[in-house]
PDB file of N, CA and C in Angstrom:
ATOM      1  N   MET A   1       0.900  -1.097   0.041  1.00  0.00           N
ATOM      2  CA  MET A   1      -0.096   0.036   0.066  1.00  0.00           C
ATOM      3  C   MET A   1       1.074   1.167   0.026  1.00  0.00           C
ATOM      4  N   LYS A   2       0.629   2.092  -0.894  1.00  0.00           N
ATOM      5  CA  LYS A   2       1.329   3.272  -0.988  1.00  0.00           C
ATOM      6  C   LYS A   2       0.932   4.318  -0.108  1.00  0.00           C
ATOM      7  N   SER A   3       1.781   5.170   0.767  1.00  0.00           N
ATOM      8  CA  SER A   3       1.338   6.094   1.566  1.00  0.00           C
ATOM      9  C   SER A   3       0.953   7.197   0.940  1.00  0.00           C
ATOM     10  N   ALA A   4      -0.152   7.936   1.440  1.00  0.00           N
ATOM     11  CA  ALA A   4      -0.525   9.378   0.621  1.00  0.00           C
ATOM     12  C   ALA A   4       0.472  10.331   1.094  1.00  0.00           C
ATOM     13  N   ALA A   5       0.905  11.398   0.224  1.00  0.00           N
ATOM     14  CA  ALA A   5       1.549  12.469   0.425  1.00  0.00           C
ATOM     15  C   ALA A   5       1.102  13.241   1.450  1.00  0.00           C
ATOM     16  N   VAL A   6       1.965  13.986   2.518  1.00  0.00           N
ATOM     17  CA  VAL A   6       1.464  14.851   3.438  1.00  0.00           C
ATOM     18  C   VAL A   6       1.631  16.183   2.661  1.00  0.00           C
ATOM     19  N   ILE A   7       0.769  17.174   2.697  1.00  0.00           N
ATOM     20  CA  ILE A   7       0.897  18.557   2.242  1.00  0.00           C
ATOM     21  C   ILE A   7       0.693  19.462   3.478  1.00  0.00           C
ATOM     22  N   LYS A   8       1.741  20.623   3.285  1.00  0.00           N
ATOM     23  CA  LYS A   8       1.482  21.507   4.272  1.00  0.00           C
ATOM     24  C   LYS A   8       0.583  22.652   3.837  1.00  0.00           C
ATOM     25  N   ARG A   9      -0.335  22.994   4.744  1.00  0.00           N
ATOM     26  CA  ARG A   9      -1.298  24.023   4.431  1.00  0.00           C
ATOM     27  C   ARG A   9      -1.220  25.101   5.108  1.00  0.00           C
ATOM     28  N   SER A  10      -1.292  26.442   4.724  1.00  0.00           N
ATOM     29  CA  SER A  10      -1.242  27.467   5.594  1.00  0.00           C
ATOM     30  C   SER A  10      -2.725  27.940   5.956  1.00  0.00           C
ATOM     31  N   VAL A  11      -3.108  28.146   7.108  1.00  0.00           N
ATOM     32  CA  VAL A  11      -4.375  28.854   7.620  1.00  0.00           C
ATOM     33  C   VAL A  11      -4.152  29.704   8.602  1.00  0.00           C
ATOM     34  N   SER A  12      -5.069  30.669   8.750  1.00  0.00           N
ATOM     35  CA  SER A  12      -5.263  31.733   9.829  1.00  0.00           C
ATOM     36  C   SER A  12      -6.185  31.330  10.727  1.00  0.00           C
ATOM     37  N   ILE A  13      -5.660  31.448  12.126  1.00  0.00           N
ATOM     38  CA  ILE A  13      -6.461  31.121  13.318  1.00  0.00           C
ATOM     39  C   ILE A  13      -6.290  32.129  14.221  1.00  0.00           C
ATOM     40  N   ALA A  14      -7.466  32.870  14.532  1.00  0.00           N
ATOM     41  CA  ALA A  14      -7.557  33.949  15.385  1.00  0.00           C
ATOM     42  C   ALA A  14      -6.430  34.901  15.111  1.00  0.00           C
ATOM     43  N   GLY A  15      -6.479  35.489  13.831  1.00  0.00           N
ATOM     44  CA  GLY A  15      -5.673  36.468  13.380  1.00  0.00           C
ATOM     45  C   GLY A  15      -4.149  36.097  13.390  1.00  0.00           C
ATOM     46  N   HIS A  16      -3.908  34.765  13.505  1.00  0.00           N
ATOM     47  CA  HIS A  16      -2.244  34.544  13.264  1.00  0.00           C
ATOM     48  C   HIS A  16      -2.245  33.193  12.341  1.00  0.00           C
ATOM     49  N   ASN A  17      -1.210  33.327  11.375  1.00  0.00           N
ATOM     50  CA  ASN A  17      -1.034  32.326  10.469  1.00  0.00           C
ATOM     51  C   ASN A  17      -0.403  31.128  11.148  1.00  0.00           C
ATOM     52  N   THR A  18      -0.574  29.917  10.758  1.00  0.00           N
ATOM     53  CA  THR A  18      -0.152  28.913  11.118  1.00  0.00           C
ATOM     54  C   THR A  18      -0.131  27.776  10.060  1.00  0.00           C
ATOM     55  N   SER A  19       0.509  26.612  10.057  1.00  0.00           N
ATOM     56  CA  SER A  19       0.365  25.582   8.970  1.00  0.00           C
ATOM     57  C   SER A  19       0.186  24.243   9.521  1.00  0.00           C
ATOM     58  N   ILE A  20      -0.832  23.424   8.866  1.00  0.00           N
ATOM     59  CA  ILE A  20      -1.003  22.100   9.264  1.00  0.00           C
ATOM     60  C   ILE A  20      -0.579  21.123   8.329  1.00  0.00           C
ATOM     61  N   SER A  21      -0.182  20.048   8.437  1.00  0.00           N
ATOM     62  CA  SER A  21       0.515  18.920   7.381  1.00  0.00           C
ATOM     63  C   SER A  21      -0.699  17.834   7.424  1.00  0.00           C
ATOM     64  N   LEU A  22      -1.401  17.809   6.115  1.00  0.00           N
ATOM     65  CA  LEU A  22      -2.592  16.818   6.015  1.00  0.00           C
ATOM     66  C   LEU A  22      -2.197  16.085   4.757  1.00  0.00           C
ATOM     67  N   GLU A  23      -2.815  14.970   4.849  1.00  0.00           N
ATOM     68  CA  GLU A  23      -2.956  14.283   3.537  1.00  0.00           C
ATOM     69  C   GLU A  23      -4.069  15.033   2.687  1.00  0.00           C
ATOM     70  N   ASP A  24      -4.339  14.802   1.221  1.00  0.00           N
ATOM     71  CA  ASP A  24      -5.550  15.329   0.694  1.00  0.00           C
ATOM     72  C   ASP A  24      -6.820  14.749   1.095  1.00  0.00           C
ATOM     73  N   GLU A  25      -6.781  13.604   1.544  1.00  0.00           N
ATOM     74  CA  GLU A  25      -8.069  12.758   2.105  1.00  0.00           C
ATOM     75  C   GLU A  25      -8.579  13.543   3.397  1.00  0.00           C
ATOM     76  N   SER A  26      -7.754  13.872   4.108  1.00  0.00           N
ATOM     77  CA  SER A  26      -8.163  14.440   5.384  1.00  0.00           C
ATOM     78  C   SER A  26      -8.369  15.766   5.281  1.00  0.00           C
ATOM     79  N   TRP A  27      -7.786  16.563   4.257  1.00  0.00           N
ATOM     80  CA  TRP A  27      -8.045  18.047   3.932  1.00  0.00           C
ATOM     81  C   TRP A  27      -9.431  18.116   3.500  1.00  0.00           C
ATOM     82  N   ASN A  28      -9.634  17.192   2.348  1.00  0.00           N
ATOM     83  CA  ASN A  28     -11.091  17.318   1.642  1.00  0.00           C
ATOM     84  C   ASN A  28     -12.113  17.045   2.711  1.00  0.00           C
ATOM     85  N   SER A  29     -11.872  15.888   3.565  1.00  0.00           N
ATOM     86  CA  SER A  29     -12.949  15.443   4.407  1.00  0.00           C
ATOM     87  C   SER A  29     -13.235  16.696   5.375  1.00  0.00           C
ATOM     88  N   LEU A  30     -12.242  17.271   5.914  1.00  0.00           N
ATOM     89  CA  LEU A  30     -12.361  18.540   6.786  1.00  0.00           C
ATOM     90  C   LEU A  30     -13.209  19.583   5.981  1.00  0.00           C
ATOM     91  N   GLN A  31     -12.762  19.836   4.810  1.00  0.00           N
ATOM     92  CA  GLN A  31     -13.601  20.854   4.082  1.00  0.00           C
ATOM     93  C   GLN A  31     -15.179  20.489   3.899  1.00  0.00           C
ATOM     94  N   GLU A  32     -15.249  19.154   3.610  1.00  0.00           N
ATOM     95  CA  GLU A  32     -16.617  18.599   3.450  1.00  0.00           C
ATOM     96  C   GLU A  32     -17.420  18.829   4.890  1.00  0.00           C
ATOM     97  N   ILE A  33     -17.006  18.464   5.910  1.00  0.00           N
ATOM     98  CA  ILE A  33     -17.774  18.760   7.055  1.00  0.00           C
ATOM     99  C   ILE A  33     -17.743  20.128   7.448  1.00  0.00           C
ATOM    100  N   ALA A  34     -16.818  21.077   7.065  1.00  0.00           N
ATOM    101  CA  ALA A  34     -17.076  22.490   7.377  1.00  0.00           C
ATOM    102  C   ALA A  34     -18.166  22.981   6.516  1.00  0.00           C
ATOM    103  N   GLU A  35     -18.141  22.628   5.167  1.00  0.00           N
ATOM    104  CA  GLU A  35     -19.234  22.940   4.277  1.00  0.00           C
ATOM    105  C   GLU A  35     -20.616  22.559   4.660  1.00  0.00           C
ATOM    106  N   SER A  36     -20.789  21.301   5.287  1.00  0.00           N
ATOM    107  CA  SER A  36     -22.155  20.824   5.817  1.00  0.00           C
ATOM    108  C   SER A  36     -22.448  21.429   6.920  1.00  0.00           C
ATOM    109  N   ARG A  37     -21.672  22.190   7.626  1.00  0.00           N
ATOM    110  CA  ARG A  37     -21.993  23.084   8.970  1.00  0.00           C
ATOM    111  C   ARG A  37     -22.036  24.592   8.547  1.00  0.00           C
ATOM    112  N   GLY A  38     -21.818  24.913   7.144  1.00  0.00           N
ATOM    113  CA  GLY A  38     -22.005  26.102   6.773  1.00  0.00           C
ATOM    114  C   GLY A  38     -20.900  27.179   7.419  1.00  0.00           C
ATOM    115  N   LYS A  39     -19.758  26.636   7.521  1.00  0.00           N
ATOM    116  CA  LYS A  39     -18.783  27.536   7.862  1.00  0.00           C
ATOM    117  C   LYS A  39     -17.347  27.288   7.085  1.00  0.00           C
ATOM    118  N   PRO A  40     -16.707  28.383   7.086  1.00  0.00           N
ATOM    119  CA  PRO A  40     -15.333  27.972   6.288  1.00  0.00           C
ATOM    120  C   PRO A  40     -14.409  26.941   7.124  1.00  0.00           C
ATOM    121  N   ALA A  41     -13.387  26.187   6.568  1.00  0.00           N
ATOM    122  CA  ALA A  41     -12.692  25.388   6.974  1.00  0.00           C
ATOM    123  C   ALA A  41     -11.679  25.925   8.207  1.00  0.00           C
ATOM    124  N   SER A  42     -11.404  27.174   7.804  1.00  0.00           N
ATOM    125  CA  SER A  42     -10.487  27.975   8.816  1.00  0.00           C
ATOM    126  C   SER A  42     -11.132  28.127  10.326  1.00  0.00           C
ATOM    127  N   HIS A  43     -12.491  28.277  10.270  1.00  0.00           N
ATOM    128  CA  HIS A  43     -13.166  28.365  11.504  1.00  0.00           C
ATOM    129  C   HIS A  43     -13.410  26.894  12.323  1.00  0.00           C
ATOM    130  N   LEU A  44     -13.553  25.872  11.269  1.00  0.00           N
ATOM    131  CA  LEU A  44     -13.459  24.639  12.022  1.00  0.00           C
ATOM    132  C   LEU A  44     -12.221  24.288  12.441  1.00  0.00           C
ATOM    133  N   ILE A  45     -11.296  24.613  11.795  1.00  0.00           N
ATOM    134  CA  ILE A  45      -9.808  24.472  12.250  1.00  0.00           C
ATOM    135  C   ILE A  45      -9.592  25.129  13.726  1.00  0.00           C
ATOM    136  N   ALA A  46     -10.029  26.477  13.640  1.00  0.00           N
ATOM    137  CA  ALA A  46     -10.092  27.348  15.199  1.00  0.00           C
ATOM    138  C   ALA A  46     -10.647  26.531  16.315  1.00  0.00           C
ATOM    139  N   SER A  47     -11.897  25.906  15.915  1.00  0.00           N
ATOM    140  CA  SER A  47     -12.511  25.227  17.148  1.00  0.00           C
ATOM    141  C   SER A  47     -11.895  24.129  17.432  1.00  0.00           C
ATOM    142  N   ILE A  48     -11.265  23.344  16.494  1.00  0.00           N
ATOM    143  CA  ILE A  48     -10.541  22.115  16.920  1.00  0.00           C
ATOM    144  C   ILE A  48      -9.217  22.527  17.650  1.00  0.00           C
ATOM    145  N   ASP A  49      -8.574  23.659  17.067  1.00  0.00           N
ATOM    146  CA  ASP A  49      -7.685  24.223  18.067  1.00  0.00           C
ATOM    147  C   ASP A  49      -7.828  24.379  19.449  1.00  0.00           C
ATOM    148  N   ALA A  50      -8.894  25.217  19.682  1.00  0.00           N
ATOM    149  CA  ALA A  50      -9.366  25.623  20.978  1.00  0.00           C
ATOM    150  C   ALA A  50      -9.533  24.449  21.777  1.00  0.00           C
ATOM    151  N   GLU A  51     -10.082  23.117  21.336  1.00  0.00           N
ATOM    152  CA  GLU A  51     -10.648  22.082  22.117  1.00  0.00           C
ATOM    153  C   GLU A  51      -9.506  21.155  22.197  1.00  0.00           C
ATOM    154  N   ARG A  52      -8.244  21.053  21.634  1.00  0.00           N
ATOM    155  CA  ARG A  52      -7.419  20.076  21.613  1.00  0.00           C
ATOM    156  C   ARG A  52      -6.579  20.095  22.846  1.00  0.00           C
ATOM    157  N   LYS A  53      -6.137  19.006  23.345  1.00  0.00           N
ATOM    158  CA  LYS A  53      -5.673  18.677  24.537  1.00  0.00           C
ATOM    159  C   LYS A  53      -4.061  18.862  24.382  1.00  0.00           C
ATOM    160  N   SER A  54      -3.341  17.851  24.082  1.00  0.00           N
ATOM    161  CA  SER A  54      -1.871  18.048  23.996  1.00  0.00           C
ATOM    162  C   SER A  54      -1.075  17.630  22.731  1.00  0.00           C
ATOM    163  N   THR A  55      -2.072  17.222  21.791  1.00  0.00           N
ATOM    164  CA  THR A  55      -1.657  16.716  20.591  1.00  0.00           C
ATOM    165  C   THR A  55      -1.356  17.949  19.622  1.00  0.00           C
ATOM    166  N   ASN A  56      -0.518  17.833  18.472  1.00  0.00           N
ATOM    167  CA  ASN A  56      -0.243  18.892  17.733  1.00  0.00           C
ATOM    168  C   ASN A  56      -1.437  19.147  16.827  1.00  0.00           C
ATOM    169  N   LEU A  57      -1.842  20.222  16.253  1.00  0.00           N
ATOM    170  CA  LEU A  57      -2.832  20.690  15.485  1.00  0.00           C
ATOM    171  C   LEU A  57      -3.158  19.687  14.385  1.00  0.00           C
ATOM    172  N   SER A  58      -2.283  19.285  13.491  1.00  0.00           N
ATOM    173  CA  SER A  58      -2.426  18.517  12.217  1.00  0.00           C
ATOM    174  C   SER A  58      -2.902  17.002  12.991  1.00  0.00           C
ATOM    175  N   SER A  59      -2.487  16.669  13.910  1.00  0.00           N
ATOM    176  CA  SER A  59      -2.921  15.343  14.561  1.00  0.00           C
ATOM    177  C   SER A  59      -4.498  15.681  14.983  1.00  0.00           C
ATOM    178  N   ALA A  60      -4.667  16.681  15.537  1.00  0.00           N
ATOM    179  CA  ALA A  60      -5.946  17.084  16.130  1.00  0.00           C
ATOM    180  C   ALA A  60      -7.058  16.989  15.137  1.00  0.00           C
ATOM    181  N   VAL A  61      -6.627  17.785  13.950  1.00  0.00           N
ATOM    182  CA  VAL A  61      -7.642  17.751  12.720  1.00  0.00           C
ATOM    183  C   VAL A  61      -7.721  16.510  12.257  1.00  0.00           C
ATOM    184  N   ARG A  62      -7.043  15.561  12.184  1.00  0.00           N
ATOM    185  CA  ARG A  62      -7.165  14.090  11.712  1.00  0.00           C
ATOM    186  C   ARG A  62      -8.009  13.385  12.812  1.00  0.00           C
ATOM    187  N   LEU A  63      -7.895  13.600  14.085  1.00  0.00           N
ATOM    188  CA  LEU A  63      -8.568  12.701  14.953  1.00  0.00           C
ATOM    189  C   LEU A  63     -10.026  13.533  14.928  1.00  0.00           C
ATOM    190  N   PHE A  64     -10.278  14.417  14.601  1.00  0.00           N
ATOM    191  CA  PHE A  64     -11.677  15.138  14.673  1.00  0.00           C
ATOM    192  C   PHE A  64     -12.205  14.510  13.388  1.00  0.00           C
ATOM    193  N   VAL A  65     -11.480  14.505  12.125  1.00  0.00           N
ATOM    194  CA  VAL A  65     -12.320  14.097  11.124  1.00  0.00           C
ATOM    195  C   VAL A  65     -12.655  12.606  11.312  1.00  0.00           C
ATOM    196  N   LEU A  66     -11.647  11.690  11.798  1.00  0.00           N
ATOM    197  CA  LEU A  66     -12.008  10.457  12.190  1.00  0.00           C
ATOM    198  C   LEU A  66     -13.103  10.321  12.992  1.00  0.00           C
ATOM    199  N   GLY A  67     -13.229  11.082  13.936  1.00  0.00           N
ATOM    200  CA  GLY A  67     -14.350  10.907  14.995  1.00  0.00           C
ATOM    201  C   GLY A  67     -15.643  11.322  14.386  1.00  0.00           C
ATOM    202  N   PHE A  68     -15.647  12.251  13.533  1.00  0.00           N
ATOM    203  CA  PHE A  68     -16.903  12.610  12.663  1.00  0.00           C
ATOM    204  C   PHE A  68     -17.495  11.448  11.981  1.00  0.00           C
ATOM    205  N   TYR A  69     -16.451  10.970  11.217  1.00  0.00           N
ATOM    206  CA  TYR A  69     -17.044   9.848  10.454  1.00  0.00           C
ATOM    207  C   TYR A  69     -17.292   8.566  11.233  1.00  0.00           C
ATOM    208  N   ARG A  70     -16.648   8.309  12.403  1.00  0.00           N
ATOM    209  CA  ARG A  70     -16.909   7.150  13.241  1.00  0.00           C
ATOM    210  C   ARG A  70     -18.178   7.311  14.005  1.00  0.00           C
ATOM    211  N   ASP A  71     -18.520   8.791  14.324  1.00  0.00           N
ATOM    212  CA  ASP A  71     -19.872   9.056  14.708  1.00  0.00           C
ATOM    213  C   ASP A  71     -21.054   8.660  14.050  1.00  0.00           C
ATOM    214  N   GLN A  72     -20.725   9.339  12.570  1.00  0.00           N
ATOM    215  CA  GLN A  72     -21.780   8.939  11.647  1.00  0.00           C
ATOM    216  C   GLN A  72     -22.065   7.355  11.412  1.00  0.00           C
ATOM    217  N   TYR A  73     -20.844   6.651  11.399  1.00  0.00           N
ATOM    218  CA  TYR A  73     -20.858   5.199  11.173  1.00  0.00           C
ATOM    219  C   TYR A  73     -21.815   4.542  12.289  1.00  0.00           C
ATOM    220  N   SER A  74     -21.595   5.063  13.637  1.00  0.00           N
ATOM    221  CA  SER A  74     -22.236   4.417  14.648  1.00  0.00           C
ATOM    222  C   SER A  74     -23.769   4.668  14.838  1.00  0.00           C
ATOM    223  N   ARG A  75     -23.976   6.142  14.334  1.00  0.00           N
ATOM    224  CA  ARG A  75     -25.466   6.445  14.237  1.00  0.00           C
ATOM    225  C   ARG A  75     -26.245   5.494  12.996  1.00  0.00           C
ATOM    226  N   LYS A  76     -25.360   5.410  12.069  1.00  0.00           N
ATOM    227  CA  LYS A  76     -26.152   4.596  10.915  1.00  0.00           C
ATOM    228  C   LYS A  76     -26.349   2.921  11.369  1.00  0.00           C
ATOM    229  N   LYS A  77     -25.180   2.598  11.979  1.00  0.00           N
ATOM    230  CA  LYS A  77     -25.386   1.218  12.570  1.00  0.00           C
ATOM    231  C   LYS A  77     -26.484   0.919  13.632  1.00  0.00           C
ATOM    232  N   ILE A  78     -26.789   1.961  14.299  1.00  0.00           N
ATOM    233  CA  ILE A  78     -27.811   1.956  15.318  1.00  0.00           C
ATOM    234  C   ILE A  78     -29.199   2.000  14.723  1.00  0.00           C
ATOM    235  N   VAL A  79     -29.316   2.885  13.539  1.00  0.00           N
ATOM    236  CA  VAL A  79     -30.479   2.841  12.848  1.00  0.00           C
ATOM    237  C   VAL A  79     -30.734   1.484  12.003  1.00  0.00           C
ATOM    238  N   ASP A  80     -29.570   0.991  11.536  1.00  0.00           N
ATOM    239  CA  ASP A  80     -29.741  -0.409  10.709  1.00  0.00           C
ATOM    240  C   ASP A  80     -30.205  -1.433  11.728  1.00  0.00           C
ATOM    241  N   VAL A  81     -29.717  -1.471  13.023  1.00  0.00           N
ATOM    242  CA  VAL A  81     -30.179  -2.606  13.861  1.00  0.00           C
ATOM    243  C   VAL A  81     -31.515  -2.417  14.766  1.00  0.00           C
ATOM    244  N   ALA A  82     -31.978  -1.032  14.474  1.00  0.00           N
ATOM    245  CA  ALA A  82     -33.306  -0.843  15.266  1.00  0.00           C
ATOM    246  C   ALA A  82     -34.408  -1.741  14.906  1.00  0.00           C
ATOM    247  N   PRO A  83     -35.175  -2.230  15.811  1.00  0.00           N
ATOM    248  CA  PRO A  83     -36.130  -3.112  15.595  1.00  0.00           C
ATOM    249  C   PRO A  83     -37.288  -2.553  14.551  1.00  0.00           C
ATOM    250  N   ALA A  84     -37.774  -3.495  13.635  1.00  0.00           N
ATOM    251  CA  ALA A  84     -38.983  -2.786  12.632  1.00  0.00           C
ATOM    252  C   ALA A  84     -39.961  -2.692  13.520  1.00  0.00           C
ATOM    253  N   GLU A  85     -40.978  -1.722  12.916  1.00  0.00           N
ATOM    254  CA  GLU A  85     -42.269  -1.526  13.586  1.00  0.00           C
ATOM    255  C   GLU A  85     -43.156  -2.827  13.361  1.00  0.00           C
ATOM    256  N   ALA A  86     -43.729  -3.110  14.399  1.00  0.00           N
ATOM    257  CA  ALA A  86     -44.838  -4.249  14.252  1.00  0.00           C
ATOM    258  C   ALA A  86     -45.763  -4.079  13.292  1.00  0.00           C
ATOM    259  N   PRO A  87     -46.234  -5.052  12.494  1.00  0.00           N
ATOM    260  CA  PRO A  87     -47.216  -4.741  11.580  1.00  0.00           C
ATOM    261  C   PRO A  87     -48.705  -4.627  12.517  1.00  0.00           C
ATOM    262  N   HIS A  88     -49.613  -3.984  11.942  1.00  0.00           N
ATOM    263  CA  HIS A  88     -50.865  -3.639  12.548  1.00  0.00           C
ATOM    264  C   HIS A  88     -51.938  -4.725  11.770  1.00  0.00           C
TER     265      HIS A  88
END
């Protein structure tokens, strides 16, 4: 399996510029999540930055994206397993 290239991207958070290093897949997923919430990716990154504990920002973004899709999968799994309505 070939590993994905990590690309350094510049973002502005709370008025200061920083960079995060992400694979295209992680970056594209982050942008999709931000778009679904009606906000720019930079605002989502700022909220991830504000909530992260001790990990670097790039790792925090990857974990956020992973958590978002894991939550979606869990909700879908619960819906798929829910008992069907009894026939009348």
